[in-house]
Amino acid sequence: MFVLELTYTAPLDRIDAALPEHRAWVDAHFATGAFLASGPKQPRDGGIILALGEDRTKIEEMVASDPFTVAGVADYTITEFVATRTAPTLEEHRRQPPS
């Protein structure tokens, strides 16, 4: 599982101009089951996406296709983690800790 943290690198007017395409990109990944949750940070200086995946390279490719990345208005920090404890609704994504 991955935490994708976006940090805006441009003024909010440029973020807002790219927002409809970014939201369509996010929606497409929710439709495939790749994303579990997403939303803006508070204060509004970026966002967070909780993503499923086993392959960091594929996640990096996904992030590179985000309209925010393409427009050069946000940078990503990608953090991979093993979800060893979850709420019941996320139980299917729970994993054993690496040995």
C-alpha atoms as a PDB file:
ATOM      1  CA  MET A   1       0.000   0.000   0.000  1.00  0.00           C
ATOM      2  CA  PHE A   2       1.176   3.540  -0.671  1.00  0.00           C
ATOM      3  CA  VAL A   3       0.589   7.000   0.707  1.00  0.00           C
ATOM      4  CA  LEU A   4       0.892   9.510  -2.121  1.00  0.00           C
ATOM      5  CA  GLU A   5       1.441  13.001  -0.767  1.00  0.00           C
ATOM      6  CA  LEU A   6       1.077  15.890  -3.195  1.00  0.00           C
ATOM      7  CA  THR A   7       2.645  19.252  -2.488  1.00  0.00           C
ATOM      8  CA  TYR A   8       1.565  22.162  -4.640  1.00  0.00           C
ATOM      9  CA  THR A   9       4.418  23.984  -6.357  1.00  0.00           C
ATOM     10  CA  ALA A  10       2.321  26.622  -8.109  1.00  0.00           C
ATOM     11  CA  PRO A  11      -0.240  29.253  -7.078  1.00  0.00           C
ATOM     12  CA  LEU A  12      -3.783  28.049  -6.426  1.00  0.00           C
ATOM     13  CA  ASP A  13      -5.117  29.622  -9.637  1.00  0.00           C
ATOM     14  CA  ARG A  14      -2.883  27.221 -11.620  1.00  0.00           C
ATOM     15  CA  ILE A  15      -3.931  24.326  -9.366  1.00  0.00           C
ATOM     16  CA  ASP A  16      -7.597  25.167  -9.918  1.00  0.00           C
ATOM     17  CA  ALA A  17      -7.052  25.317 -13.703  1.00  0.00           C
ATOM     18  CA  ALA A  18      -5.706  21.737 -13.676  1.00  0.00           C
ATOM     19  CA  LEU A  19      -8.178  20.457 -11.058  1.00  0.00           C
ATOM     20  CA  PRO A  20     -10.913  19.084 -13.391  1.00  0.00           C
ATOM     21  CA  GLU A  21      -8.388  16.906 -15.259  1.00  0.00           C
ATOM     22  CA  HIS A  22      -6.757  15.819 -11.984  1.00  0.00           C
ATOM     23  CA  ARG A  23     -10.149  14.833 -10.551  1.00  0.00           C
ATOM     24  CA  ALA A  24     -10.957  12.808 -13.691  1.00  0.00           C
ATOM     25  CA  TRP A  25      -7.583  11.054 -13.306  1.00  0.00           C
ATOM     26  CA  VAL A  26      -8.350  10.318  -9.628  1.00  0.00           C
ATOM     27  CA  ASP A  27     -11.840   9.042 -10.522  1.00  0.00           C
ATOM     28  CA  ALA A  28     -10.385   6.691 -13.141  1.00  0.00           C
ATOM     29  CA  HIS A  29      -8.070   5.143 -10.528  1.00  0.00           C
ATOM     30  CA  PHE A  30     -10.924   4.788  -8.039  1.00  0.00           C
ATOM     31  CA  ALA A  31     -12.855   2.958 -10.783  1.00  0.00           C
ATOM     32  CA  THR A  32     -10.034   0.424 -11.182  1.00  0.00           C
ATOM     33  CA  GLY A  33      -9.760  -0.086  -7.408  1.00  0.00           C
ATOM     34  CA  ALA A  34      -6.245   1.390  -7.248  1.00  0.00           C
ATOM     35  CA  PHE A  35      -7.247   4.217  -4.890  1.00  0.00           C
ATOM     36  CA  LEU A  36      -8.906   3.782  -1.481  1.00  0.00           C
ATOM     37  CA  ALA A  37      -9.126   7.412  -0.352  1.00  0.00           C
ATOM     38  CA  SER A  38      -8.094  10.875  -1.487  1.00  0.00           C
ATOM     39  CA  GLY A  39      -8.519  14.512  -0.617  1.00  0.00           C
ATOM     40  CA  PRO A  40      -6.898  17.890  -0.067  1.00  0.00           C
ATOM     41  CA  LYS A  41      -4.639  18.625   2.869  1.00  0.00           C
ATOM     42  CA  GLN A  42      -5.670  21.328   5.309  1.00  0.00           C
ATOM     43  CA  PRO A  43      -4.403  23.959   4.851  1.00  0.00           C
ATOM     44  CA  ARG A  44      -4.801  23.556   1.090  1.00  0.00           C
ATOM     45  CA  ASP A  45      -1.180  23.130   0.065  1.00  0.00           C
ATOM     46  CA  GLY A  46      -1.490  19.692  -1.501  1.00  0.00           C
ATOM     47  CA  GLY A  47      -3.340  16.425  -1.079  1.00  0.00           C
ATOM     48  CA  ILE A  48      -3.156  12.805   0.021  1.00  0.00           C
ATOM     49  CA  ILE A  49      -4.052   9.626  -1.863  1.00  0.00           C
ATOM     50  CA  LEU A  50      -4.120   6.161  -0.299  1.00  0.00           C
ATOM     51  CA  ALA A  51      -3.268   3.737  -3.112  1.00  0.00           C
ATOM     52  CA  LEU A  52      -3.090  -0.021  -3.466  1.00  0.00           C
ATOM     53  CA  GLY A  53      -0.220  -1.705  -5.218  1.00  0.00           C
ATOM     54  CA  GLU A  54       2.671  -4.091  -4.859  1.00  0.00           C
ATOM     55  CA  ASP A  55       4.927  -2.513  -7.481  1.00  0.00           C
ATOM     56  CA  ARG A  56       6.504   0.864  -6.729  1.00  0.00           C
ATOM     57  CA  THR A  57       7.492   1.328 -10.381  1.00  0.00           C
ATOM     58  CA  LYS A  58       3.850   1.132 -11.441  1.00  0.00           C
ATOM     59  CA  ILE A  59       2.883   3.647  -8.746  1.00  0.00           C
ATOM     60  CA  GLU A  60       5.629   5.984  -9.963  1.00  0.00           C
ATOM     61  CA  GLU A  61       4.324   5.651 -13.535  1.00  0.00           C
ATOM     62  CA  MET A  62       0.797   6.354 -12.314  1.00  0.00           C
ATOM     63  CA  VAL A  63       1.932   9.493 -10.474  1.00  0.00           C
ATOM     64  CA  ALA A  64       3.832  10.667 -13.572  1.00  0.00           C
ATOM     65  CA  SER A  65       0.561  10.593 -15.534  1.00  0.00           C
ATOM     66  CA  ASP A  66      -1.335  12.805 -13.057  1.00  0.00           C
ATOM     67  CA  PRO A  67      -2.356  16.041 -14.823  1.00  0.00           C
ATOM     68  CA  PHE A  68      -0.935  17.947 -11.830  1.00  0.00           C
ATOM     69  CA  THR A  69       2.470  16.339 -12.511  1.00  0.00           C
ATOM     70  CA  VAL A  70       2.190  16.869 -16.270  1.00  0.00           C
ATOM     71  CA  ALA A  71       1.296  20.556 -15.729  1.00  0.00           C
ATOM     72  CA  GLY A  72       4.193  20.941 -13.285  1.00  0.00           C
ATOM     73  CA  VAL A  73       1.996  22.258 -10.467  1.00  0.00           C
ATOM     74  CA  ALA A  74       2.594  19.558  -7.822  1.00  0.00           C
ATOM     75  CA  ASP A  75       5.311  17.217  -6.587  1.00  0.00           C
ATOM     76  CA  TYR A  76       4.689  13.784  -5.099  1.00  0.00           C
ATOM     77  CA  THR A  77       6.225  11.988  -2.151  1.00  0.00           C
ATOM     78  CA  ILE A  78       5.563   8.254  -2.357  1.00  0.00           C
ATOM     79  CA  THR A  79       5.632   6.268   0.886  1.00  0.00           C
ATOM     80  CA  GLU A  80       5.184   2.510   0.777  1.00  0.00           C
ATOM     81  CA  PHE A  81       3.949   0.736   3.897  1.00  0.00           C
ATOM     82  CA  VAL A  82       2.576  -2.616   5.011  1.00  0.00           C
ATOM     83  CA  ALA A  83      -0.921  -2.285   6.483  1.00  0.00           C
ATOM     84  CA  THR A  84      -0.687  -4.790   9.348  1.00  0.00           C
ATOM     85  CA  ARG A  85      -3.700  -3.314  11.179  1.00  0.00           C
ATOM     86  CA  THR A  86      -6.819  -1.921   9.546  1.00  0.00           C
ATOM     87  CA  ALA A  87     -10.407  -1.022  10.234  1.00  0.00           C
ATOM     88  CA  PRO A  88     -12.792  -3.882   9.424  1.00  0.00           C
ATOM     89  CA  THR A  89     -13.746  -2.272   6.101  1.00  0.00           C
ATOM     90  CA  LEU A  90     -10.109  -2.492   4.958  1.00  0.00           C
ATOM     91  CA  GLU A  91      -9.437  -5.984   6.322  1.00  0.00           C
ATOM     92  CA  GLU A  92      -8.902  -7.453   2.837  1.00  0.00           C
ATOM     93  CA  HIS A  93      -5.869  -5.162   2.447  1.00  0.00           C
ATOM     94  CA  ARG A  94      -4.214  -6.215   5.715  1.00  0.00           C
ATOM     95  CA  ARG A  95      -0.801  -7.870   5.316  1.00  0.00           C
ATOM     96  CA  GLN A  96       1.654  -9.696   7.519  1.00  0.00           C
ATOM     97  CA  PRO A  97       4.728  -7.706   8.527  1.00  0.00           C
ATOM     98  CA  PRO A  98       7.850  -8.560   6.540  1.00  0.00           C
ATOM     99  CA  SER A  99      10.197 -10.909   8.313  1.00  0.00           C
END
